PDB file of N, CA and C in Angstrom:
ATOM      1  N   MET A   1     -31.899   0.762  -1.587  1.00  0.00           N
ATOM      2  CA  MET A   1     -31.166   0.044  -2.421  1.00  0.00           C
ATOM      3  C   MET A   1     -31.822  -0.857  -2.778  1.00  0.00           C
ATOM      4  N   ARG A   2     -31.578  -0.961  -4.266  1.00  0.00           N
ATOM      5  CA  ARG A   2     -32.519  -2.095  -5.368  1.00  0.00           C
ATOM      6  C   ARG A   2     -31.632  -3.317  -5.447  1.00  0.00           C
ATOM      7  N   SER A   3     -30.620  -3.160  -5.963  1.00  0.00           N
ATOM      8  CA  SER A   3     -29.770  -4.401  -6.400  1.00  0.00           C
ATOM      9  C   SER A   3     -28.116  -3.740  -6.316  1.00  0.00           C
ATOM     10  N   GLU A   4     -27.352  -5.079  -6.088  1.00  0.00           N
ATOM     11  CA  GLU A   4     -26.086  -4.758  -5.860  1.00  0.00           C
ATOM     12  C   GLU A   4     -25.217  -5.898  -6.316  1.00  0.00           C
ATOM     13  N   THR A   5     -23.747  -5.915  -6.867  1.00  0.00           N
ATOM     14  CA  THR A   5     -22.967  -6.768  -6.865  1.00  0.00           C
ATOM     15  C   THR A   5     -21.646  -6.233  -6.352  1.00  0.00           C
ATOM     16  N   ASP A   6     -20.670  -7.112  -6.460  1.00  0.00           N
ATOM     17  CA  ASP A   6     -19.355  -6.761  -6.118  1.00  0.00           C
ATOM     18  C   ASP A   6     -18.416  -5.595  -6.331  1.00  0.00           C
ATOM     19  N   ASP A   7     -18.986  -5.060  -7.766  1.00  0.00           N
ATOM     20  CA  ASP A   7     -18.767  -3.901  -8.064  1.00  0.00           C
ATOM     21  C   ASP A   7     -19.703  -2.691  -8.671  1.00  0.00           C
ATOM     22  N   MET A   8     -21.195  -3.169  -8.578  1.00  0.00           N
ATOM     23  CA  MET A   8     -22.284  -2.418  -8.873  1.00  0.00           C
ATOM     24  C   MET A   8     -23.367  -2.475  -8.133  1.00  0.00           C
ATOM     25  N   LYS A   9     -23.946  -1.206  -8.058  1.00  0.00           N
ATOM     26  CA  LYS A   9     -24.890  -0.888  -7.074  1.00  0.00           C
ATOM     27  C   LYS A   9     -25.927   0.097  -8.041  1.00  0.00           C
ATOM     28  N   ILE A  10     -27.281  -0.422  -7.627  1.00  0.00           N
ATOM     29  CA  ILE A  10     -28.489   0.127  -8.521  1.00  0.00           C
ATOM     30  C   ILE A  10     -29.311   0.736  -7.339  1.00  0.00           C
ATOM     31  N   PHE A  11     -29.809   2.118  -7.534  1.00  0.00           N
ATOM     32  CA  PHE A  11     -30.669   3.014  -6.747  1.00  0.00           C
ATOM     33  C   PHE A  11     -31.835   3.407  -7.013  1.00  0.00           C
ATOM     34  N   ARG A  12     -32.579   3.458  -6.356  1.00  0.00           N
ATOM     35  CA  ARG A  12     -34.021   4.108  -6.572  1.00  0.00           C
ATOM     36  C   ARG A  12     -34.246   5.237  -5.740  1.00  0.00           C
ATOM     37  N   VAL A  13     -33.835   6.630  -6.482  1.00  0.00           N
ATOM     38  CA  VAL A  13     -34.021   7.677  -5.561  1.00  0.00           C
ATOM     39  C   VAL A  13     -35.432   8.397  -5.578  1.00  0.00           C
ATOM     40  N   ASP A  14     -36.139   8.613  -4.508  1.00  0.00           N
ATOM     41  CA  ASP A  14     -37.463   9.535  -4.694  1.00  0.00           C
ATOM     42  C   ASP A  14     -36.775  10.816  -4.789  1.00  0.00           C
ATOM     43  N   ALA A  15     -36.295  11.492  -5.717  1.00  0.00           N
ATOM     44  CA  ALA A  15     -36.246  12.661  -6.388  1.00  0.00           C
ATOM     45  C   ALA A  15     -36.389  12.802  -8.001  1.00  0.00           C
ATOM     46  N   ALA A  16     -36.437  13.953  -8.281  1.00  0.00           N
ATOM     47  CA  ALA A  16     -36.379  14.319  -9.692  1.00  0.00           C
ATOM     48  C   ALA A  16     -34.786  14.441 -10.300  1.00  0.00           C
ATOM     49  N   MET A  17     -34.548  13.831 -11.602  1.00  0.00           N
ATOM     50  CA  MET A  17     -33.431  13.886 -12.054  1.00  0.00           C
ATOM     51  C   MET A  17     -32.759  14.635 -11.869  1.00  0.00           C
ATOM     52  N   PRO A  18     -32.851  16.323 -12.282  1.00  0.00           N
ATOM     53  CA  PRO A  18     -32.199  17.354 -11.782  1.00  0.00           C
ATOM     54  C   PRO A  18     -31.498  17.498 -10.717  1.00  0.00           C
ATOM     55  N   LEU A  19     -32.599  17.108  -9.506  1.00  0.00           N
ATOM     56  CA  LEU A  19     -31.786  17.245  -8.298  1.00  0.00           C
ATOM     57  C   LEU A  19     -30.696  16.345  -7.823  1.00  0.00           C
ATOM     58  N   VAL A  20     -30.987  14.968  -8.441  1.00  0.00           N
ATOM     59  CA  VAL A  20     -30.007  14.326  -8.621  1.00  0.00           C
ATOM     60  C   VAL A  20     -28.801  14.556  -9.162  1.00  0.00           C
ATOM     61  N   MET A  21     -28.608  14.911 -10.043  1.00  0.00           N
ATOM     62  CA  MET A  21     -27.604  15.459 -10.806  1.00  0.00           C
ATOM     63  C   MET A  21     -26.781  16.388 -10.321  1.00  0.00           C
ATOM     64  N   ARG A  22     -27.681  17.317  -9.632  1.00  0.00           N
ATOM     65  CA  ARG A  22     -27.083  18.555  -8.750  1.00  0.00           C
ATOM     66  C   ARG A  22     -26.124  17.958  -7.521  1.00  0.00           C
ATOM     67  N   TYR A  23     -26.913  16.814  -7.070  1.00  0.00           N
ATOM     68  CA  TYR A  23     -26.402  16.231  -5.738  1.00  0.00           C
ATOM     69  C   TYR A  23     -24.863  15.353  -6.180  1.00  0.00           C
ATOM     70  N   LEU A  24     -25.090  14.963  -7.478  1.00  0.00           N
ATOM     71  CA  LEU A  24     -23.837  14.108  -7.963  1.00  0.00           C
ATOM     72  C   LEU A  24     -22.591  15.088  -8.153  1.00  0.00           C
ATOM     73  N   GLU A  25     -23.383  16.212  -8.914  1.00  0.00           N
ATOM     74  CA  GLU A  25     -22.041  17.117  -9.470  1.00  0.00           C
ATOM     75  C   GLU A  25     -21.349  17.887  -8.254  1.00  0.00           C
ATOM     76  N   GLN A  26     -22.068  17.748  -7.124  1.00  0.00           N
ATOM     77  CA  GLN A  26     -21.180  18.160  -5.843  1.00  0.00           C
ATOM     78  C   GLN A  26     -20.097  17.296  -4.971  1.00  0.00           C
ATOM     79  N   ARG A  27     -20.479  16.119  -5.498  1.00  0.00           N
ATOM     80  CA  ARG A  27     -19.773  14.974  -4.897  1.00  0.00           C
ATOM     81  C   ARG A  27     -18.807  14.191  -5.723  1.00  0.00           C
ATOM     82  N   LEU A  28     -18.770  14.510  -7.210  1.00  0.00           N
ATOM     83  CA  LEU A  28     -17.754  13.867  -8.080  1.00  0.00           C
ATOM     84  C   LEU A  28     -17.013  14.669  -8.727  1.00  0.00           C
ATOM     85  N   GLU A  29     -15.838  14.501  -9.208  1.00  0.00           N
ATOM     86  CA  GLU A  29     -14.957  15.350 -10.018  1.00  0.00           C
ATOM     87  C   GLU A  29     -15.188  14.636 -11.310  1.00  0.00           C
ATOM     88  N   VAL A  30     -15.935  15.329 -12.143  1.00  0.00           N
ATOM     89  CA  VAL A  30     -16.442  15.052 -13.715  1.00  0.00           C
ATOM     90  C   VAL A  30     -15.559  15.335 -14.759  1.00  0.00           C
ATOM     91  N   HIS A  31     -15.127  14.553 -15.584  1.00  0.00           N
ATOM     92  CA  HIS A  31     -14.296  14.694 -16.663  1.00  0.00           C
ATOM     93  C   HIS A  31     -14.620  14.820 -17.882  1.00  0.00           C
ATOM     94  N   GLU A  32     -15.899  13.733 -18.169  1.00  0.00           N
ATOM     95  CA  GLU A  32     -16.438  13.208 -19.073  1.00  0.00           C
ATOM     96  C   GLU A  32     -18.008  12.816 -18.536  1.00  0.00           C
ATOM     97  N   ALA A  33     -18.932  12.747 -19.435  1.00  0.00           N
ATOM     98  CA  ALA A  33     -20.368  12.687 -19.239  1.00  0.00           C
ATOM     99  C   ALA A  33     -21.162  12.785 -20.660  1.00  0.00           C
ATOM    100  N   ASP A  34     -22.045  11.920 -20.728  1.00  0.00           N
ATOM    101  CA  ASP A  34     -23.152  11.909 -21.786  1.00  0.00           C
ATOM    102  C   ASP A  34     -24.287  12.286 -20.948  1.00  0.00           C
ATOM    103  N   ILE A  35     -24.654  13.530 -21.299  1.00  0.00           N
ATOM    104  CA  ILE A  35     -26.194  14.173 -20.701  1.00  0.00           C
ATOM    105  C   ILE A  35     -27.149  14.224 -21.582  1.00  0.00           C
ATOM    106  N   HIS A  36     -28.327  13.660 -21.396  1.00  0.00           N
ATOM    107  CA  HIS A  36     -29.347  13.874 -22.085  1.00  0.00           C
ATOM    108  C   HIS A  36     -30.581  14.284 -21.155  1.00  0.00           C
ATOM    109  N   PRO A  37     -31.891  14.571 -21.793  1.00  0.00           N
ATOM    110  CA  PRO A  37     -32.623  14.935 -20.900  1.00  0.00           C
ATOM    111  C   PRO A  37     -33.279  13.936 -20.186  1.00  0.00           C
ATOM    112  N   LEU A  38     -33.554  12.854 -20.759  1.00  0.00           N
ATOM    113  CA  LEU A  38     -33.885  11.687 -19.439  1.00  0.00           C
ATOM    114  C   LEU A  38     -33.037  10.835 -18.975  1.00  0.00           C
ATOM    115  N   ALA A  39     -31.585  11.038 -19.548  1.00  0.00           N
ATOM    116  CA  ALA A  39     -30.614   9.942 -19.187  1.00  0.00           C
ATOM    117  C   ALA A  39     -29.409  10.402 -18.852  1.00  0.00           C
ATOM    118  N   ALA A  40     -28.361   9.998 -18.148  1.00  0.00           N
ATOM    119  CA  ALA A  40     -26.813  10.445 -18.402  1.00  0.00           C
ATOM    120  C   ALA A  40     -26.305   9.580 -17.705  1.00  0.00           C
ATOM    121  N   VAL A  41     -24.668   9.400 -18.388  1.00  0.00           N
ATOM    122  CA  VAL A  41     -23.987   8.359 -18.171  1.00  0.00           C
ATOM    123  C   VAL A  41     -22.894   9.234 -17.809  1.00  0.00           C
ATOM    124  N   ILE A  42     -21.864   9.079 -16.537  1.00  0.00           N
ATOM    125  CA  ILE A  42     -20.779   9.867 -16.090  1.00  0.00           C
ATOM    126  C   ILE A  42     -19.740   8.756 -15.861  1.00  0.00           C
ATOM    127  N   HIS A  43     -18.496   9.135 -17.066  1.00  0.00           N
ATOM    128  CA  HIS A  43     -17.311   8.360 -17.070  1.00  0.00           C
ATOM    129  C   HIS A  43     -16.273   8.541 -16.228  1.00  0.00           C
ATOM    130  N   ARG A  44     -15.725   7.403 -15.357  1.00  0.00           N
ATOM    131  CA  ARG A  44     -14.485   7.595 -14.687  1.00  0.00           C
ATOM    132  C   ARG A  44     -14.523   8.845 -13.985  1.00  0.00           C
ATOM    133  N   ALA A  45     -15.657   9.087 -12.799  1.00  0.00           N
ATOM    134  CA  ALA A  45     -15.692  10.535 -12.023  1.00  0.00           C
ATOM    135  C   ALA A  45     -14.756   9.919 -10.836  1.00  0.00           C
ATOM    136  N   ILE A  46     -13.985  10.826 -10.125  1.00  0.00           N
ATOM    137  CA  ILE A  46     -13.521  10.277  -8.882  1.00  0.00           C
ATOM    138  C   ILE A  46     -14.519  10.859  -7.842  1.00  0.00           C
ATOM    139  N   VAL A  47     -14.589  10.196  -7.009  1.00  0.00           N
ATOM    140  CA  VAL A  47     -15.542  10.753  -5.605  1.00  0.00           C
ATOM    141  C   VAL A  47     -14.653  11.167  -4.875  1.00  0.00           C
ATOM    142  N   ARG A  48     -15.435  12.561  -4.455  1.00  0.00           N
ATOM    143  CA  ARG A  48     -14.520  13.731  -3.572  1.00  0.00           C
ATOM    144  C   ARG A  48     -14.650  13.261  -2.149  1.00  0.00           C
ATOM    145  N   GLY A  49     -13.749  13.514  -1.230  1.00  0.00           N
ATOM    146  CA  GLY A  49     -13.615  13.386   0.181  1.00  0.00           C
ATOM    147  C   GLY A  49     -13.322  11.406   0.374  1.00  0.00           C
ATOM    148  N   VAL A  50     -12.984  11.079  -0.754  1.00  0.00           N
ATOM    149  CA  VAL A  50     -12.848   9.565  -0.307  1.00  0.00           C
ATOM    150  C   VAL A  50     -11.226   9.764  -0.281  1.00  0.00           C
ATOM    151  N   HIS A  51     -10.761   8.792   0.564  1.00  0.00           N
ATOM    152  CA  HIS A  51      -9.358   8.644   0.832  1.00  0.00           C
ATOM    153  C   HIS A  51      -8.711   7.660  -0.153  1.00  0.00           C
ATOM    154  N   SER A  52      -9.427   6.613  -0.600  1.00  0.00           N
ATOM    155  CA  SER A  52      -9.160   5.504  -1.322  1.00  0.00           C
ATOM    156  C   SER A  52      -8.902   5.776  -2.825  1.00  0.00           C
ATOM    157  N   ASN A  53      -9.042   6.898  -3.455  1.00  0.00           N
ATOM    158  CA  ASN A  53      -9.058   7.516  -5.222  1.00  0.00           C
ATOM    159  C   ASN A  53     -10.059   6.698  -5.595  1.00  0.00           C
ATOM    160  N   LEU A  54     -11.320   6.287  -5.121  1.00  0.00           N
ATOM    161  CA  LEU A  54     -12.565   5.805  -5.623  1.00  0.00           C
ATOM    162  C   LEU A  54     -12.676   6.571  -7.034  1.00  0.00           C
ATOM    163  N   ILE A  55     -13.195   5.686  -8.206  1.00  0.00           N
ATOM    164  CA  ILE A  55     -13.157   6.052  -9.331  1.00  0.00           C
ATOM    165  C   ILE A  55     -14.687   5.342  -9.934  1.00  0.00           C
ATOM    166  N   VAL A  56     -15.846   5.693 -10.216  1.00  0.00           N
ATOM    167  CA  VAL A  56     -16.882   5.300 -10.408  1.00  0.00           C
ATOM    168  C   VAL A  56     -17.462   5.805 -11.928  1.00  0.00           C
ATOM    169  N   ASP A  57     -17.896   5.078 -12.528  1.00  0.00           N
ATOM    170  CA  ASP A  57     -19.240   5.267 -13.610  1.00  0.00           C
ATOM    171  C   ASP A  57     -20.519   5.720 -12.970  1.00  0.00           C
ATOM    172  N   VAL A  58     -21.156   6.201 -13.427  1.00  0.00           N
ATOM    173  CA  VAL A  58     -22.216   6.567 -12.777  1.00  0.00           C
ATOM    174  C   VAL A  58     -23.645   7.097 -14.129  1.00  0.00           C
ATOM    175  N   GLY A  59     -24.623   5.924 -14.421  1.00  0.00           N
ATOM    176  CA  GLY A  59     -25.815   6.033 -14.961  1.00  0.00           C
ATOM    177  C   GLY A  59     -26.899   6.522 -14.080  1.00  0.00           C
ATOM    178  N   VAL A  60     -27.468   7.646 -14.750  1.00  0.00           N
ATOM    179  CA  VAL A  60     -29.069   8.456 -13.975  1.00  0.00           C
ATOM    180  C   VAL A  60     -29.771   8.147 -15.309  1.00  0.00           C
ATOM    181  N   ARG A  61     -31.406   7.405 -15.093  1.00  0.00           N
ATOM    182  CA  ARG A  61     -32.420   7.833 -15.616  1.00  0.00           C
ATOM    183  C   ARG A  61     -33.448   7.854 -14.729  1.00  0.00           C
ATOM    184  N   ASP A  62     -34.260   9.120 -15.450  1.00  0.00           N
ATOM    185  CA  ASP A  62     -35.251  10.062 -15.267  1.00  0.00           C
ATOM    186  C   ASP A  62     -36.317   9.144 -15.347  1.00  0.00           C
ATOM    187  N   GLU A  63     -36.887   8.641 -14.118  1.00  0.00           N
ATOM    188  CA  GLU A  63     -38.585   7.690 -14.014  1.00  0.00           C
ATOM    189  C   GLU A  63     -39.534   8.880 -13.391  1.00  0.00           C
ATOM    190  N   GLY A  64     -39.547  10.044 -14.191  1.00  0.00           N
ATOM    191  CA  GLY A  64     -40.668  11.196 -13.435  1.00  0.00           C
ATOM    192  C   GLY A  64     -40.419  11.447 -12.132  1.00  0.00           C
ATOM    193  N   ASP A  65     -41.072  11.140 -10.929  1.00  0.00           N
ATOM    194  CA  ASP A  65     -40.806  11.894  -9.790  1.00  0.00           C
ATOM    195  C   ASP A  65     -40.033  11.036  -8.857  1.00  0.00           C
ATOM    196  N   ARG A  66     -39.184   9.889  -9.282  1.00  0.00           N
ATOM    197  CA  ARG A  66     -37.888   9.103  -9.014  1.00  0.00           C
ATOM    198  C   ARG A  66     -36.997   9.236  -9.970  1.00  0.00           C
ATOM    199  N   THR A  67     -35.456   8.586  -9.904  1.00  0.00           N
ATOM    200  CA  THR A  67     -34.673   8.370 -10.543  1.00  0.00           C
ATOM    201  C   THR A  67     -33.990   7.212 -10.281  1.00  0.00           C
ATOM    202  N   MET A  68     -33.641   6.597 -11.508  1.00  0.00           N
ATOM    203  CA  MET A  68     -32.396   5.283 -10.992  1.00  0.00           C
ATOM    204  C   MET A  68     -31.378   5.671 -11.178  1.00  0.00           C
ATOM    205  N   VAL A  69     -30.490   5.302 -10.329  1.00  0.00           N
ATOM    206  CA  VAL A  69     -29.050   5.620 -10.119  1.00  0.00           C
ATOM    207  C   VAL A  69     -28.314   4.210 -10.020  1.00  0.00           C
ATOM    208  N   THR A  70     -27.263   3.990 -11.190  1.00  0.00           N
ATOM    209  CA  THR A  70     -26.553   2.652 -11.241  1.00  0.00           C
ATOM    210  C   THR A  70     -25.202   3.257 -11.085  1.00  0.00           C
ATOM    211  N   VAL A  71     -24.263   2.729 -10.132  1.00  0.00           N
ATOM    212  CA  VAL A  71     -22.711   3.004  -9.986  1.00  0.00           C
ATOM    213  C   VAL A  71     -22.058   1.905 -10.006  1.00  0.00           C
ATOM    214  N   TRP A  72     -21.145   2.212 -10.982  1.00  0.00           N
ATOM    215  CA  TRP A  72     -20.260   0.788 -10.988  1.00  0.00           C
ATOM    216  C   TRP A  72     -18.675   1.335 -10.862  1.00  0.00           C
ATOM    217  N   ASN A  73     -17.942   0.643  -9.990  1.00  0.00           N
ATOM    218  CA  ASN A  73     -16.808   1.365  -9.113  1.00  0.00           C
ATOM    219  C   ASN A  73     -15.636   0.584 -10.281  1.00  0.00           C
ATOM    220  N   ARG A  74     -14.898   1.569 -10.990  1.00  0.00           N
ATOM    221  CA  ARG A  74     -13.976   1.307 -11.594  1.00  0.00           C
ATOM    222  C   ARG A  74     -12.638   1.558 -11.088  1.00  0.00           C
ATOM    223  N   THR A  75     -12.533   1.750  -9.766  1.00  0.00           N
ATOM    224  CA  THR A  75     -11.298   1.827  -9.379  1.00  0.00           C
ATOM    225  C   THR A  75      -9.917   0.709  -9.586  1.00  0.00           C
ATOM    226  N   PRO A  76      -8.853   1.120 -10.458  1.00  0.00           N
ATOM    227  CA  PRO A  76      -8.072   0.230 -10.707  1.00  0.00           C
ATOM    228  C   PRO A  76      -7.742  -0.995  -9.260  1.00  0.00           C
ATOM    229  N   SER A  77      -7.322  -2.029  -9.515  1.00  0.00           N
ATOM    230  CA  SER A  77      -7.022  -3.100  -8.702  1.00  0.00           C
ATOM    231  C   SER A  77      -5.708  -2.502  -8.541  1.00  0.00           C
ATOM    232  N   PRO A  78      -5.020  -2.042  -6.821  1.00  0.00           N
ATOM    233  CA  PRO A  78      -3.941  -1.916  -6.727  1.00  0.00           C
ATOM    234  C   PRO A  78      -2.980  -2.706  -7.085  1.00  0.00           C
ATOM    235  N   VAL A  79      -1.757  -2.067  -7.083  1.00  0.00           N
ATOM    236  CA  VAL A  79      -0.740  -3.052  -8.084  1.00  0.00           C
ATOM    237  C   VAL A  79       0.086  -3.817  -6.822  1.00  0.00           C
ATOM    238  N   VAL A  80       0.108  -5.326  -7.331  1.00  0.00           N
ATOM    239  CA  VAL A  80       0.678  -6.033  -6.403  1.00  0.00           C
ATOM    240  C   VAL A  80       2.526  -5.784  -6.425  1.00  0.00           C
ATOM    241  N   THR A  81       2.639  -5.618  -5.172  1.00  0.00           N
ATOM    242  CA  THR A  81       4.246  -5.362  -5.104  1.00  0.00           C
ATOM    243  C   THR A  81       4.816  -6.729  -4.590  1.00  0.00           C
ATOM    244  N   ASN A  82       4.031  -7.672  -3.982  1.00  0.00           N
ATOM    245  CA  ASN A  82       4.853  -8.912  -3.455  1.00  0.00           C
ATOM    246  C   ASN A  82       4.554  -9.853  -4.473  1.00  0.00           C
ATOM    247  N   VAL A  83       5.217  -9.915  -5.692  1.00  0.00           N
ATOM    248  CA  VAL A  83       5.020 -10.962  -6.414  1.00  0.00           C
ATOM    249  C   VAL A  83       5.703 -12.045  -6.090  1.00  0.00           C
ATOM    250  N   PRO A  84       4.799 -13.499  -6.396  1.00  0.00           N
ATOM    251  CA  PRO A  84       5.557 -14.486  -5.721  1.00  0.00           C
ATOM    252  C   PRO A  84       6.582 -14.759  -6.782  1.00  0.00           C
ATOM    253  N   ARG A  85       7.864 -15.094  -5.966  1.00  0.00           N
ATOM    254  CA  ARG A  85       9.247 -15.723  -6.962  1.00  0.00           C
ATOM    255  C   ARG A  85       9.696 -16.596  -6.452  1.00  0.00           C
ATOM    256  N   SER A  86      10.419 -17.160  -7.035  1.00  0.00           N
ATOM    257  CA  SER A  86      11.175 -18.511  -6.896  1.00  0.00           C
ATOM    258  C   SER A  86      12.074 -18.137  -5.545  1.00  0.00           C
ATOM    259  N   LEU A  87      12.299 -19.773  -4.918  1.00  0.00           N
ATOM    260  CA  LEU A  87      13.280 -19.617  -4.006  1.00  0.00           C
ATOM    261  C   LEU A  87      14.696 -19.185  -4.366  1.00  0.00           C
ATOM    262  N   GLU A  88      15.062 -19.428  -5.743  1.00  0.00           N
ATOM    263  CA  GLU A  88      16.430 -18.749  -6.110  1.00  0.00           C
ATOM    264  C   GLU A  88      16.314 -17.310  -6.507  1.00  0.00           C
ATOM    265  N   ASP A  89      15.432 -16.944  -6.853  1.00  0.00           N
ATOM    266  CA  ASP A  89      15.173 -15.577  -7.060  1.00  0.00           C
ATOM    267  C   ASP A  89      15.431 -15.022  -5.837  1.00  0.00           C
ATOM    268  N   GLY A  90      14.818 -15.486  -4.836  1.00  0.00           N
ATOM    269  CA  GLY A  90      15.024 -14.640  -3.247  1.00  0.00           C
ATOM    270  C   GLY A  90      16.580 -14.904  -2.882  1.00  0.00           C
ATOM    271  N   LEU A  91      16.876 -16.074  -3.224  1.00  0.00           N
ATOM    272  CA  LEU A  91      18.288 -16.180  -2.636  1.00  0.00           C
ATOM    273  C   LEU A  91      19.371 -15.152  -3.467  1.00  0.00           C
ATOM    274  N   ARG A  92      19.086 -15.285  -4.773  1.00  0.00           N
ATOM    275  CA  ARG A  92      19.885 -13.910  -5.286  1.00  0.00           C
ATOM    276  C   ARG A  92      19.868 -12.938  -5.153  1.00  0.00           C
ATOM    277  N   GLU A  93      18.571 -12.429  -4.547  1.00  0.00           N
ATOM    278  CA  GLU A  93      18.441 -11.046  -3.978  1.00  0.00           C
ATOM    279  C   GLU A  93      19.031 -10.860  -2.800  1.00  0.00           C
ATOM    280  N   VAL A  94      19.488 -11.507  -2.160  1.00  0.00           N
ATOM    281  CA  VAL A  94      20.182 -11.200  -0.657  1.00  0.00           C
ATOM    282  C   VAL A  94      21.585 -11.658  -1.022  1.00  0.00           C
ATOM    283  N   GLY A  95      21.774 -11.981  -2.111  1.00  0.00           N
ATOM    284  CA  GLY A  95      23.180 -11.986  -2.709  1.00  0.00           C
ATOM    285  C   GLY A  95      23.941 -13.469  -2.627  1.00  0.00           C
ATOM    286  N   PHE A  96      23.093 -14.650  -2.449  1.00  0.00           N
ATOM    287  CA  PHE A  96      23.640 -15.761  -2.572  1.00  0.00           C
ATOM    288  C   PHE A  96      23.409 -16.667  -3.979  1.00  0.00           C
ATOM    289  N   ASN A  97      24.513 -17.262  -4.544  1.00  0.00           N
ATOM    290  CA  ASN A  97      24.283 -17.637  -5.792  1.00  0.00           C
ATOM    291  C   ASN A  97      23.805 -19.212  -5.436  1.00  0.00           C
ATOM    292  N   PRO A  98      22.927 -19.660  -5.793  1.00  0.00           N
ATOM    293  CA  PRO A  98      22.153 -21.184  -5.305  1.00  0.00           C
ATOM    294  C   PRO A  98      23.190 -22.218  -6.596  1.00  0.00           C
ATOM    295  N   ALA A  99      23.870 -21.778  -7.760  1.00  0.00           N
ATOM    296  CA  ALA A  99      24.312 -22.559  -8.765  1.00  0.00           C
ATOM    297  C   ALA A  99      25.921 -22.667  -7.867  1.00  0.00           C
ATOM    298  N   THR A 100      26.446 -21.965  -7.044  1.00  0.00           N
ATOM    299  CA  THR A 100      27.851 -22.355  -6.779  1.00  0.00           C
ATOM    300  C   THR A 100      27.667 -22.444  -5.226  1.00  0.00           C
ATOM    301  N   GLY A 101      26.452 -22.071  -4.331  1.00  0.00           N
ATOM    302  CA  GLY A 101      25.947 -22.172  -2.944  1.00  0.00           C
ATOM    303  C   GLY A 101      27.166 -21.106  -2.217  1.00  0.00           C
ATOM    304  N   GLN A 102      27.530 -20.107  -3.129  1.00  0.00           N
ATOM    305  CA  GLN A 102      28.236 -19.109  -2.143  1.00  0.00           C
ATOM    306  C   GLN A 102      27.774 -17.890  -2.555  1.00  0.00           C
ATOM    307  N   TYR A 103      28.144 -16.734  -1.339  1.00  0.00           N
ATOM    308  CA  TYR A 103      27.551 -15.302  -1.414  1.00  0.00           C
ATOM    309  C   TYR A 103      28.622 -14.645  -2.142  1.00  0.00           C
ATOM    310  N   ALA A 104      27.980 -13.600  -3.026  1.00  0.00           N
ATOM    311  CA  ALA A 104      28.552 -12.973  -3.952  1.00  0.00           C
ATOM    312  C   ALA A 104      29.878 -12.123  -3.177  1.00  0.00           C
ATOM    313  N   PRO A 105      30.606 -11.800  -3.563  1.00  0.00           N
ATOM    314  CA  PRO A 105      31.781 -11.038  -2.957  1.00  0.00           C
ATOM    315  C   PRO A 105      31.479  -9.814  -1.979  1.00  0.00           C
ATOM    316  N   GLU A 106      30.675  -9.075  -2.773  1.00  0.00           N
ATOM    317  CA  GLU A 106      30.411  -7.887  -2.071  1.00  0.00           C
ATOM    318  C   GLU A 106      29.327  -8.421  -0.746  1.00  0.00           C
ATOM    319  N   PHE A 107      28.854  -9.291  -0.657  1.00  0.00           N
ATOM    320  CA  PHE A 107      28.147  -9.819   0.535  1.00  0.00           C
ATOM    321  C   PHE A 107      28.823 -10.360   1.880  1.00  0.00           C
ATOM    322  N   ASN A 108      30.299 -10.645   1.224  1.00  0.00           N
ATOM    323  CA  ASN A 108      30.915 -11.660   2.169  1.00  0.00           C
ATOM    324  C   ASN A 108      31.727 -10.451   3.110  1.00  0.00           C
ATOM    325  N   ARG A 109      31.679 -11.120   4.226  1.00  0.00           N
ATOM    326  CA  ARG A 109      32.552 -10.142   5.409  1.00  0.00           C
ATOM    327  C   ARG A 109      33.430 -10.675   6.151  1.00  0.00           C
TER     328      ARG A 109
END
């Protein structure tokens, strides 16, 4: 590997671009790509065999006997289900009215 950030990695592969493209084709579910003789960009591909539903963009550049491959993680952030709420909202959710200091009738037993 040559370089990396939190959501991007650059690799130099000691193989010709056609071999790298065949390798990627076997491992990615590709729906959109811009492919040219010396370069390609694969958009929002789904990585096969990964349980995390990983989505990536992949750039491939032919450098003769080797190929530069850049992978960007485009997986959406998980939806936050535990949204911070106010104390009053939490009390109302369990049937307590903070304004009156009383439980709602359906919560009284």
